[in-house]
């Protein structure tokens, strides 16, 4: 038994060694950010290569799972805010993960049963699972396409059937932008989406953060180690500075309390226990930031 599947590591990280059934085109020797996220969120759709990456990430920054959980809680709080306070009733998420409890459609539909959610992904395994497990043809659907091809996603017949672009849209970009390189111009693709949406639309963005080494040298070193692990083994996963992350939201009005550590964005009380109340430990809080913008 390898270290990556040892009971102690799996128990600590919350994962289970359960074999999933991927589409035949999936290369199980290469880790996937979606399956890595599934592992950290106690899902079952992950493989040896994903667990190896999870261990390497934890070696680079002990408690890396906290970053995943903190980002997840931020997304849930933000979706609830968009439905209940901003009046958003339709959502488009890029970089969708494998289905799991507390996904955006569950949060939105709990507040408004007529809300609609479109999940966009370029991961064939994720697309297969989404279509098989959660798409209902009325409130939830999934389309093929990544953040680097926003036009394709917006032109998709299913997207057009679900989303009325004459009405405000909630654009969900958590866990996806760090996996788009500067050469692929993530800011330009986000701007393309902004231009397609009507005033009143909102964006939810989270991003791995490389803190200022002059102020937070230890955090900056952890961010550097994590980036090295992700780029080497996943081929993506860049930790950007705060100013670079804020620049991704150029043209959007950033809502209070701004772009900051996700744990600090509109924190909910711990009781009653609702999705989004996860309290992220301090040690990795500076390594993930997020915010919400509005047109």
C-alpha atoms as a PDB file:
ATOM      1  CA  UNK A   1       0.000   0.000   0.000  1.00  0.00           C
ATOM      2  CA  UNK A   2       1.404   3.389  -0.998  1.00  0.00           C
ATOM      3  CA  UNK A   3       1.488   6.445   1.178  1.00  0.00           C
ATOM      4  CA  UNK A   4      -1.162   8.025  -1.035  1.00  0.00           C
ATOM      5  CA  UNK A   5      -3.756   5.343  -0.236  1.00  0.00           C
ATOM      6  CA  UNK A   6      -2.780   4.621   3.345  1.00  0.00           C
ATOM      7  CA  UNK A   7      -5.704   4.640   5.798  1.00  0.00           C
ATOM      8  CA  UNK A   8      -4.068   7.414   7.871  1.00  0.00           C
ATOM      9  CA  UNK A   9      -3.731   9.825   4.933  1.00  0.00           C
ATOM     10  CA  UNK A  10      -7.191   9.082   3.556  1.00  0.00           C
ATOM     11  CA  UNK A  11      -8.778   9.418   6.977  1.00  0.00           C
ATOM     12  CA  UNK A  12      -6.990  12.710   7.649  1.00  0.00           C
ATOM     13  CA  UNK A  13      -7.991  14.194   4.287  1.00  0.00           C
ATOM     14  CA  UNK A  14     -11.520  12.840   4.454  1.00  0.00           C
ATOM     15  CA  UNK A  15     -11.385  10.814   1.272  1.00  0.00           C
ATOM     16  CA  UNK A  16     -12.367   7.223   0.588  1.00  0.00           C
ATOM     17  CA  UNK A  17     -10.604   4.765  -1.639  1.00  0.00           C
ATOM     18  CA  UNK A  18     -13.598   3.966  -3.815  1.00  0.00           C
ATOM     19  CA  UNK A  19     -13.216   3.151  -7.497  1.00  0.00           C
ATOM     20  CA  UNK A  20     -15.305   5.354  -9.770  1.00  0.00           C
ATOM     21  CA  UNK A  21     -16.252   4.568 -13.365  1.00  0.00           C
ATOM     22  CA  UNK A  22     -14.728   7.176 -15.694  1.00  0.00           C
ATOM     23  CA  UNK A  23     -15.479   7.569 -19.384  1.00  0.00           C
ATOM     24  CA  UNK A  24     -13.071   5.430 -21.463  1.00  0.00           C
ATOM     25  CA  UNK A  25     -11.253   8.545 -22.743  1.00  0.00           C
ATOM     26  CA  UNK A  26     -10.126   9.612 -19.243  1.00  0.00           C
ATOM     27  CA  UNK A  27      -6.395   9.119 -18.544  1.00  0.00           C
ATOM     28  CA  UNK A  28      -6.288   7.927 -14.946  1.00  0.00           C
ATOM     29  CA  UNK A  29      -2.511   8.405 -14.755  1.00  0.00           C
ATOM     30  CA  UNK A  30      -2.974  12.194 -14.949  1.00  0.00           C
ATOM     31  CA  UNK A  31      -4.522  14.034 -11.989  1.00  0.00           C
ATOM     32  CA  UNK A  32      -7.579  16.215 -12.477  1.00  0.00           C
ATOM     33  CA  UNK A  33      -8.476  19.340 -10.522  1.00  0.00           C
ATOM     34  CA  UNK A  34     -12.115  18.187 -10.433  1.00  0.00           C
ATOM     35  CA  UNK A  35     -11.195  14.790  -8.979  1.00  0.00           C
ATOM     36  CA  UNK A  36      -8.737  16.391  -6.565  1.00  0.00           C
ATOM     37  CA  UNK A  37     -11.569  18.604  -5.357  1.00  0.00           C
ATOM     38  CA  UNK A  38     -13.813  15.542  -5.044  1.00  0.00           C
ATOM     39  CA  UNK A  39     -11.207  13.905  -2.831  1.00  0.00           C
ATOM     40  CA  UNK A  40     -10.916  16.931  -0.555  1.00  0.00           C
ATOM     41  CA  UNK A  41     -14.711  17.263  -0.348  1.00  0.00           C
ATOM     42  CA  UNK A  42     -15.026  13.599   0.731  1.00  0.00           C
ATOM     43  CA  UNK A  43     -16.329  12.430  -2.609  1.00  0.00           C
ATOM     44  CA  UNK A  44     -15.633   9.062  -4.204  1.00  0.00           C
ATOM     45  CA  UNK A  45     -14.638  10.039  -7.752  1.00  0.00           C
ATOM     46  CA  UNK A  46     -10.852  10.144  -7.496  1.00  0.00           C
ATOM     47  CA  UNK A  47      -7.947   7.907  -8.375  1.00  0.00           C
ATOM     48  CA  UNK A  48      -4.359   7.183  -7.417  1.00  0.00           C
ATOM     49  CA  UNK A  49      -2.942  10.085  -9.414  1.00  0.00           C
ATOM     50  CA  UNK A  50      -5.343  12.509  -7.712  1.00  0.00           C
ATOM     51  CA  UNK A  51      -4.466  11.220  -4.253  1.00  0.00           C
ATOM     52  CA  UNK A  52      -0.769  11.548  -5.074  1.00  0.00           C
ATOM     53  CA  UNK A  53      -1.314  15.206  -5.954  1.00  0.00           C
ATOM     54  CA  UNK A  54      -3.317  15.698  -2.750  1.00  0.00           C
ATOM     55  CA  UNK A  55      -0.387  14.394  -0.721  1.00  0.00           C
ATOM     56  CA  UNK A  56       2.132  16.568  -2.544  1.00  0.00           C
ATOM     57  CA  UNK A  57      -0.055  19.637  -1.993  1.00  0.00           C
ATOM     58  CA  UNK A  58      -0.319  18.814   1.696  1.00  0.00           C
ATOM     59  CA  UNK A  59       3.456  18.418   1.899  1.00  0.00           C
ATOM     60  CA  UNK A  60       3.909  21.848   0.294  1.00  0.00           C
ATOM     61  CA  UNK A  61       1.336  23.521   2.566  1.00  0.00           C
ATOM     62  CA  UNK A  62       0.077  21.361   5.424  1.00  0.00           C
ATOM     63  CA  UNK A  63      -3.694  21.595   5.590  1.00  0.00           C
ATOM     64  CA  UNK A  64      -4.211  22.334   1.885  1.00  0.00           C
ATOM     65  CA  UNK A  65      -7.675  20.782   2.203  1.00  0.00           C
ATOM     66  CA  UNK A  66      -8.621  23.842   4.260  1.00  0.00           C
ATOM     67  CA  UNK A  67      -8.187  25.996   1.151  1.00  0.00           C
ATOM     68  CA  UNK A  68     -10.620  23.813  -0.790  1.00  0.00           C
ATOM     69  CA  UNK A  69     -13.185  23.828   2.013  1.00  0.00           C
ATOM     70  CA  UNK A  70     -12.841  27.569   2.567  1.00  0.00           C
ATOM     71  CA  UNK A  71     -13.377  28.268  -1.124  1.00  0.00           C
ATOM     72  CA  UNK A  72     -16.404  25.973  -1.171  1.00  0.00           C
ATOM     73  CA  UNK A  73     -17.985  27.758   1.797  1.00  0.00           C
ATOM     74  CA  UNK A  74     -17.354  31.136   0.132  1.00  0.00           C
ATOM     75  CA  UNK A  75     -19.099  29.972  -3.047  1.00  0.00           C
ATOM     76  CA  UNK A  76     -22.122  28.814  -1.073  1.00  0.00           C
ATOM     77  CA  UNK A  77     -22.391  32.095   0.840  1.00  0.00           C
ATOM     78  CA  UNK A  78     -22.005  34.072  -2.367  1.00  0.00           C
ATOM     79  CA  UNK A  79     -24.715  32.139  -4.236  1.00  0.00           C
ATOM     80  CA  UNK A  80     -27.113  32.601  -1.335  1.00  0.00           C
ATOM     81  CA  UNK A  81     -26.316  36.324  -1.323  1.00  0.00           C
ATOM     82  CA  UNK A  82     -26.958  36.617  -5.067  1.00  0.00           C
ATOM     83  CA  UNK A  83     -30.339  34.902  -4.827  1.00  0.00           C
ATOM     84  CA  UNK A  84     -31.651  36.402  -1.610  1.00  0.00           C
ATOM     85  CA  UNK A  85     -30.175  39.912  -1.723  1.00  0.00           C
ATOM     86  CA  UNK A  86     -29.202  40.646  -5.330  1.00  0.00           C
ATOM     87  CA  UNK A  87     -32.255  39.020  -6.923  1.00  0.00           C
ATOM     88  CA  UNK A  88     -30.287  36.764  -9.284  1.00  0.00           C
ATOM     89  CA  UNK A  89     -32.302  33.835 -10.603  1.00  0.00           C
ATOM     90  CA  UNK A  90     -30.002  32.354 -13.263  1.00  0.00           C
ATOM     91  CA  UNK A  91     -26.398  31.223 -12.952  1.00  0.00           C
ATOM     92  CA  UNK A  92     -23.539  30.147 -15.183  1.00  0.00           C
ATOM     93  CA  UNK A  93     -20.616  28.331 -13.563  1.00  0.00           C
ATOM     94  CA  UNK A  94     -17.341  27.651 -15.357  1.00  0.00           C
ATOM     95  CA  UNK A  95     -14.961  24.969 -14.175  1.00  0.00           C
ATOM     96  CA  UNK A  96     -17.751  22.947 -12.624  1.00  0.00           C
ATOM     97  CA  UNK A  97     -16.630  20.153 -10.353  1.00  0.00           C
ATOM     98  CA  UNK A  98     -18.019  16.684  -9.915  1.00  0.00           C
ATOM     99  CA  UNK A  99     -21.484  16.658  -8.310  1.00  0.00           C
ATOM    100  CA  UNK A 100     -21.499  16.911  -4.528  1.00  0.00           C
ATOM    101  CA  UNK A 101     -23.607  18.130  -1.606  1.00  0.00           C
ATOM    102  CA  UNK A 102     -24.030  21.888  -1.480  1.00  0.00           C
ATOM    103  CA  UNK A 103     -23.441  22.506  -5.187  1.00  0.00           C
ATOM    104  CA  UNK A 104     -24.584  25.929  -6.475  1.00  0.00           C
ATOM    105  CA  UNK A 105     -27.888  24.620  -7.858  1.00  0.00           C
ATOM    106  CA  UNK A 106     -28.803  23.206  -4.433  1.00  0.00           C
ATOM    107  CA  UNK A 107     -28.083  26.541  -2.738  1.00  0.00           C
ATOM    108  CA  UNK A 108     -29.968  28.539  -5.389  1.00  0.00           C
ATOM    109  CA  UNK A 109     -32.972  26.221  -5.564  1.00  0.00           C
ATOM    110  CA  UNK A 110     -33.304  26.171  -1.784  1.00  0.00           C
ATOM    111  CA  UNK A 111     -33.938  29.908  -1.943  1.00  0.00           C
ATOM    112  CA  UNK A 112     -35.902  29.948  -5.214  1.00  0.00           C
ATOM    113  CA  UNK A 113     -37.300  26.725  -6.728  1.00  0.00           C
ATOM    114  CA  UNK A 114     -37.447  28.424 -10.133  1.00  0.00           C
ATOM    115  CA  UNK A 115     -33.759  29.338 -10.261  1.00  0.00           C
ATOM    116  CA  UNK A 116     -31.744  27.973 -13.200  1.00  0.00           C
ATOM    117  CA  UNK A 117     -28.113  26.873 -13.269  1.00  0.00           C
ATOM    118  CA  UNK A 118     -25.885  26.077 -16.239  1.00  0.00           C
ATOM    119  CA  UNK A 119     -22.659  24.217 -15.503  1.00  0.00           C
ATOM    120  CA  UNK A 120     -19.899  24.549 -18.111  1.00  0.00           C
ATOM    121  CA  UNK A 121     -16.922  22.199 -18.139  1.00  0.00           C
ATOM    122  CA  UNK A 122     -14.281  20.944 -20.533  1.00  0.00           C
ATOM    123  CA  UNK A 123     -13.661  17.837 -18.397  1.00  0.00           C
ATOM    124  CA  UNK A 124     -15.415  14.840 -20.051  1.00  0.00           C
ATOM    125  CA  UNK A 125     -15.702  12.925 -16.770  1.00  0.00           C
ATOM    126  CA  UNK A 126     -17.329  15.891 -15.031  1.00  0.00           C
ATOM    127  CA  UNK A 127     -19.721  16.457 -17.946  1.00  0.00           C
ATOM    128  CA  UNK A 128     -20.764  12.795 -17.925  1.00  0.00           C
ATOM    129  CA  UNK A 129     -21.424  12.835 -14.179  1.00  0.00           C
ATOM    130  CA  UNK A 130     -23.314  16.129 -14.257  1.00  0.00           C
ATOM    131  CA  UNK A 131     -25.613  14.971 -17.050  1.00  0.00           C
ATOM    132  CA  UNK A 132     -26.231  11.609 -15.428  1.00  0.00           C
ATOM    133  CA  UNK A 133     -26.777  12.766 -11.862  1.00  0.00           C
ATOM    134  CA  UNK A 134     -28.142  16.305 -11.595  1.00  0.00           C
ATOM    135  CA  UNK A 135     -29.362  17.672 -14.944  1.00  0.00           C
ATOM    136  CA  UNK A 136     -33.166  17.749 -14.953  1.00  0.00           C
ATOM    137  CA  UNK A 137     -33.941  19.658 -18.147  1.00  0.00           C
ATOM    138  CA  UNK A 138     -35.727  22.432 -16.264  1.00  0.00           C
ATOM    139  CA  UNK A 139     -33.577  23.948 -13.519  1.00  0.00           C
ATOM    140  CA  UNK A 140     -30.113  22.422 -14.023  1.00  0.00           C
ATOM    141  CA  UNK A 141     -28.120  21.619 -17.148  1.00  0.00           C
ATOM    142  CA  UNK A 142     -24.504  21.098 -18.222  1.00  0.00           C
ATOM    143  CA  UNK A 143     -22.689  22.112 -21.403  1.00  0.00           C
ATOM    144  CA  UNK A 144     -19.247  21.460 -22.834  1.00  0.00           C
ATOM    145  CA  UNK A 145     -16.781  24.328 -22.735  1.00  0.00           C
ATOM    146  CA  UNK A 146     -14.167  26.038 -20.585  1.00  0.00           C
ATOM    147  CA  UNK A 147     -13.438  29.597 -19.545  1.00  0.00           C
ATOM    148  CA  UNK A 148     -11.085  30.024 -22.507  1.00  0.00           C
ATOM    149  CA  UNK A 149     -14.006  29.524 -24.903  1.00  0.00           C
ATOM    150  CA  UNK A 150     -16.800  31.713 -23.505  1.00  0.00           C
ATOM    151  CA  UNK A 151     -18.355  32.352 -26.916  1.00  0.00           C
ATOM    152  CA  UNK A 152     -18.856  28.643 -27.503  1.00  0.00           C
ATOM    153  CA  UNK A 153     -20.590  28.264 -24.157  1.00  0.00           C
ATOM    154  CA  UNK A 154     -22.841  31.289 -24.668  1.00  0.00           C
ATOM    155  CA  UNK A 155     -23.844  30.103 -28.154  1.00  0.00           C
ATOM    156  CA  UNK A 156     -24.637  26.573 -27.006  1.00  0.00           C
ATOM    157  CA  UNK A 157     -28.302  25.762 -27.628  1.00  0.00           C
ATOM    158  CA  UNK A 158     -28.734  24.467 -24.087  1.00  0.00           C
ATOM    159  CA  UNK A 159     -27.201  27.612 -22.591  1.00  0.00           C
ATOM    160  CA  UNK A 160     -29.513  29.765 -24.702  1.00  0.00           C
ATOM    161  CA  UNK A 161     -32.501  27.676 -23.632  1.00  0.00           C
ATOM    162  CA  UNK A 162     -31.690  28.107 -19.932  1.00  0.00           C
ATOM    163  CA  UNK A 163     -30.298  31.642 -19.741  1.00  0.00           C
ATOM    164  CA  UNK A 164     -32.062  34.836 -20.758  1.00  0.00           C
ATOM    165  CA  UNK A 165     -29.178  37.233 -21.389  1.00  0.00           C
ATOM    166  CA  UNK A 166     -31.600  40.153 -21.271  1.00  0.00           C
ATOM    167  CA  UNK A 167     -31.902  39.425 -17.539  1.00  0.00           C
ATOM    168  CA  UNK A 168     -29.111  39.534 -14.926  1.00  0.00           C
ATOM    169  CA  UNK A 169     -26.869  36.467 -14.671  1.00  0.00           C
ATOM    170  CA  UNK A 170     -24.745  35.236 -11.786  1.00  0.00           C
ATOM    171  CA  UNK A 171     -21.340  34.210 -13.189  1.00  0.00           C
ATOM    172  CA  UNK A 172     -19.554  31.750 -10.894  1.00  0.00           C
ATOM    173  CA  UNK A 173     -15.765  31.567 -11.259  1.00  0.00           C
ATOM    174  CA  UNK A 174     -14.502  29.709  -8.221  1.00  0.00           C
ATOM    175  CA  UNK A 175     -11.720  27.167  -8.554  1.00  0.00           C
ATOM    176  CA  UNK A 176     -11.219  27.816 -12.272  1.00  0.00           C
ATOM    177  CA  UNK A 177      -9.248  31.010 -13.023  1.00  0.00           C
ATOM    178  CA  UNK A 178      -5.992  29.828 -11.366  1.00  0.00           C
ATOM    179  CA  UNK A 179      -5.945  27.088 -14.003  1.00  0.00           C
ATOM    180  CA  UNK A 180      -5.939  29.565 -16.902  1.00  0.00           C
ATOM    181  CA  UNK A 181      -2.445  30.827 -17.723  1.00  0.00           C
ATOM    182  CA  UNK A 182      -1.588  34.464 -18.402  1.00  0.00           C
ATOM    183  CA  UNK A 183      -0.892  33.461 -22.008  1.00  0.00           C
ATOM    184  CA  UNK A 184      -4.547  32.372 -22.314  1.00  0.00           C
ATOM    185  CA  UNK A 185      -5.723  35.811 -21.096  1.00  0.00           C
ATOM    186  CA  UNK A 186      -8.198  35.023 -18.306  1.00  0.00           C
ATOM    187  CA  UNK A 187      -9.042  38.716 -17.864  1.00  0.00           C
ATOM    188  CA  UNK A 188      -9.983  38.950 -21.535  1.00  0.00           C
ATOM    189  CA  UNK A 189     -12.331  35.971 -21.324  1.00  0.00           C
ATOM    190  CA  UNK A 190     -13.988  37.351 -18.189  1.00  0.00           C
ATOM    191  CA  UNK A 191     -14.412  40.682 -20.012  1.00  0.00           C
ATOM    192  CA  UNK A 192     -16.043  38.847 -22.939  1.00  0.00           C
ATOM    193  CA  UNK A 193     -18.581  37.351 -20.568  1.00  0.00           C
ATOM    194  CA  UNK A 194     -19.187  40.702 -18.877  1.00  0.00           C
ATOM    195  CA  UNK A 195     -19.912  42.281 -22.250  1.00  0.00           C
ATOM    196  CA  UNK A 196     -22.515  39.594 -22.976  1.00  0.00           C
ATOM    197  CA  UNK A 197     -24.438  40.209 -19.743  1.00  0.00           C
ATOM    198  CA  UNK A 198     -26.957  42.892 -18.900  1.00  0.00           C
ATOM    199  CA  UNK A 199     -26.545  45.443 -16.060  1.00  0.00           C
ATOM    200  CA  UNK A 200     -27.383  43.903 -12.718  1.00  0.00           C
ATOM    201  CA  UNK A 201     -25.368  40.779 -13.472  1.00  0.00           C
ATOM    202  CA  UNK A 202     -22.847  39.643 -10.850  1.00  0.00           C
ATOM    203  CA  UNK A 203     -19.626  37.662 -10.811  1.00  0.00           C
ATOM    204  CA  UNK A 204     -18.257  35.514  -7.974  1.00  0.00           C
ATOM    205  CA  UNK A 205     -14.493  35.033  -8.229  1.00  0.00           C
ATOM    206  CA  UNK A 206     -12.035  33.172  -6.023  1.00  0.00           C
ATOM    207  CA  UNK A 207      -8.336  32.708  -6.697  1.00  0.00           C
ATOM    208  CA  UNK A 208      -5.212  31.207  -5.169  1.00  0.00           C
ATOM    209  CA  UNK A 209      -3.204  34.111  -3.754  1.00  0.00           C
ATOM    210  CA  UNK A 210       0.526  34.696  -3.418  1.00  0.00           C
ATOM    211  CA  UNK A 211       0.796  37.132  -0.484  1.00  0.00           C
ATOM    212  CA  UNK A 212       3.330  39.961  -0.475  1.00  0.00           C
ATOM    213  CA  UNK A 213       6.632  38.284   0.509  1.00  0.00           C
ATOM    214  CA  UNK A 214       7.724  41.472   2.231  1.00  0.00           C
ATOM    215  CA  UNK A 215       4.800  41.240   4.638  1.00  0.00           C
ATOM    216  CA  UNK A 216       4.049  37.521   4.768  1.00  0.00           C
ATOM    217  CA  UNK A 217       7.205  35.683   3.788  1.00  0.00           C
ATOM    218  CA  UNK A 218       6.130  32.257   5.098  1.00  0.00           C
ATOM    219  CA  UNK A 219       2.775  32.433   3.315  1.00  0.00           C
ATOM    220  CA  UNK A 220       4.484  33.515   0.113  1.00  0.00           C
ATOM    221  CA  UNK A 221       6.863  30.548   0.331  1.00  0.00           C
ATOM    222  CA  UNK A 222       3.940  28.152   0.789  1.00  0.00           C
ATOM    223  CA  UNK A 223       2.242  29.661  -2.241  1.00  0.00           C
ATOM    224  CA  UNK A 224       5.415  29.210  -4.296  1.00  0.00           C
ATOM    225  CA  UNK A 225       5.760  25.577  -3.234  1.00  0.00           C
ATOM    226  CA  UNK A 226       2.116  24.870  -4.064  1.00  0.00           C
ATOM    227  CA  UNK A 227       2.400  26.472  -7.483  1.00  0.00           C
ATOM    228  CA  UNK A 228       5.450  24.353  -8.255  1.00  0.00           C
ATOM    229  CA  UNK A 229       3.582  21.182  -7.278  1.00  0.00           C
ATOM    230  CA  UNK A 230       0.470  22.050  -9.283  1.00  0.00           C
ATOM    231  CA  UNK A 231       2.231  23.212 -12.446  1.00  0.00           C
ATOM    232  CA  UNK A 232       4.574  20.219 -12.430  1.00  0.00           C
ATOM    233  CA  UNK A 233       1.952  17.547 -11.808  1.00  0.00           C
ATOM    234  CA  UNK A 234      -1.283  19.128 -13.080  1.00  0.00           C
ATOM    235  CA  UNK A 235       0.001  21.495 -15.738  1.00  0.00           C
ATOM    236  CA  UNK A 236      -1.864  24.447 -14.216  1.00  0.00           C
ATOM    237  CA  UNK A 237      -2.524  26.150 -10.909  1.00  0.00           C
ATOM    238  CA  UNK A 238      -1.000  29.608 -10.622  1.00  0.00           C
ATOM    239  CA  UNK A 239      -0.902  31.655  -7.421  1.00  0.00           C
ATOM    240  CA  UNK A 240      -1.354  35.328  -8.373  1.00  0.00           C
ATOM    241  CA  UNK A 241      -0.858  38.423  -6.238  1.00  0.00           C
ATOM    242  CA  UNK A 242      -3.795  40.396  -4.872  1.00  0.00           C
ATOM    243  CA  UNK A 243      -3.471  43.205  -7.428  1.00  0.00           C
ATOM    244  CA  UNK A 244      -3.412  40.705 -10.283  1.00  0.00           C
ATOM    245  CA  UNK A 245      -6.555  39.039  -8.940  1.00  0.00           C
ATOM    246  CA  UNK A 246      -8.336  42.377  -8.575  1.00  0.00           C
ATOM    247  CA  UNK A 247      -7.356  43.237 -12.154  1.00  0.00           C
ATOM    248  CA  UNK A 248      -9.302  40.188 -13.343  1.00  0.00           C
ATOM    249  CA  UNK A 249     -12.436  42.047 -12.244  1.00  0.00           C
ATOM    250  CA  UNK A 250     -11.717  45.135 -14.322  1.00  0.00           C
ATOM    251  CA  UNK A 251     -15.007  46.692 -15.434  1.00  0.00           C
ATOM    252  CA  UNK A 252     -16.981  45.146 -12.556  1.00  0.00           C
ATOM    253  CA  UNK A 253     -17.996  47.154  -9.481  1.00  0.00           C
ATOM    254  CA  UNK A 254     -16.465  45.197  -6.604  1.00  0.00           C
ATOM    255  CA  UNK A 255     -18.983  44.920  -3.788  1.00  0.00           C
ATOM    256  CA  UNK A 256     -18.240  45.339  -0.089  1.00  0.00           C
ATOM    257  CA  UNK A 257     -16.229  43.968   1.668  1.00  0.00           C
ATOM    258  CA  UNK A 258     -14.005  43.793  -1.426  1.00  0.00           C
ATOM    259  CA  UNK A 259     -11.526  41.170  -2.601  1.00  0.00           C
ATOM    260  CA  UNK A 260     -10.111  39.559   0.515  1.00  0.00           C
ATOM    261  CA  UNK A 261      -9.506  36.233   2.224  1.00  0.00           C
ATOM    262  CA  UNK A 262     -12.566  34.107   1.422  1.00  0.00           C
ATOM    263  CA  UNK A 263     -13.132  33.345   5.103  1.00  0.00           C
ATOM    264  CA  UNK A 264     -13.767  37.058   5.712  1.00  0.00           C
ATOM    265  CA  UNK A 265     -16.292  37.588   2.911  1.00  0.00           C
ATOM    266  CA  UNK A 266     -19.720  38.133   4.515  1.00  0.00           C
ATOM    267  CA  UNK A 267     -19.074  35.502   7.158  1.00  0.00           C
ATOM    268  CA  UNK A 268     -22.228  33.825   8.410  1.00  0.00           C
ATOM    269  CA  UNK A 269     -22.857  32.935  12.058  1.00  0.00           C
ATOM    270  CA  UNK A 270     -21.872  29.401  12.970  1.00  0.00           C
ATOM    271  CA  UNK A 271     -25.410  28.563  14.131  1.00  0.00           C
ATOM    272  CA  UNK A 272     -27.701  27.433  12.673  1.00  0.00           C
ATOM    273  CA  UNK A 273     -25.474  25.091  10.672  1.00  0.00           C
ATOM    274  CA  UNK A 274     -26.100  25.989   7.044  1.00  0.00           C
ATOM    275  CA  UNK A 275     -23.782  25.442   4.055  1.00  0.00           C
ATOM    276  CA  UNK A 276     -21.129  28.131   3.996  1.00  0.00           C
ATOM    277  CA  UNK A 277     -20.346  28.347   7.723  1.00  0.00           C
ATOM    278  CA  UNK A 278     -17.044  26.445   7.500  1.00  0.00           C
ATOM    279  CA  UNK A 279     -14.467  28.230   9.662  1.00  0.00           C
ATOM    280  CA  UNK A 280     -11.137  28.084   7.865  1.00  0.00           C
ATOM    281  CA  UNK A 281      -8.092  27.771  10.173  1.00  0.00           C
ATOM    282  CA  UNK A 282      -5.688  30.704  10.092  1.00  0.00           C
ATOM    283  CA  UNK A 283      -2.642  28.940   8.679  1.00  0.00           C
ATOM    284  CA  UNK A 284      -3.697  29.020   5.008  1.00  0.00           C
ATOM    285  CA  UNK A 285      -6.229  31.838   4.943  1.00  0.00           C
ATOM    286  CA  UNK A 286      -3.999  34.209   3.003  1.00  0.00           C
ATOM    287  CA  UNK A 287      -3.556  31.668   0.196  1.00  0.00           C
ATOM    288  CA  UNK A 288      -7.114  31.976  -1.164  1.00  0.00           C
ATOM    289  CA  UNK A 289      -8.992  35.232  -1.774  1.00  0.00           C
ATOM    290  CA  UNK A 290     -12.272  36.130  -3.419  1.00  0.00           C
ATOM    291  CA  UNK A 291     -14.909  38.724  -4.020  1.00  0.00           C
ATOM    292  CA  UNK A 292     -18.126  39.587  -5.823  1.00  0.00           C
ATOM    293  CA  UNK A 293     -18.543  42.138  -8.595  1.00  0.00           C
ATOM    294  CA  UNK A 294     -21.532  43.725 -10.312  1.00  0.00           C
ATOM    295  CA  UNK A 295     -22.122  45.388 -13.649  1.00  0.00           C
END
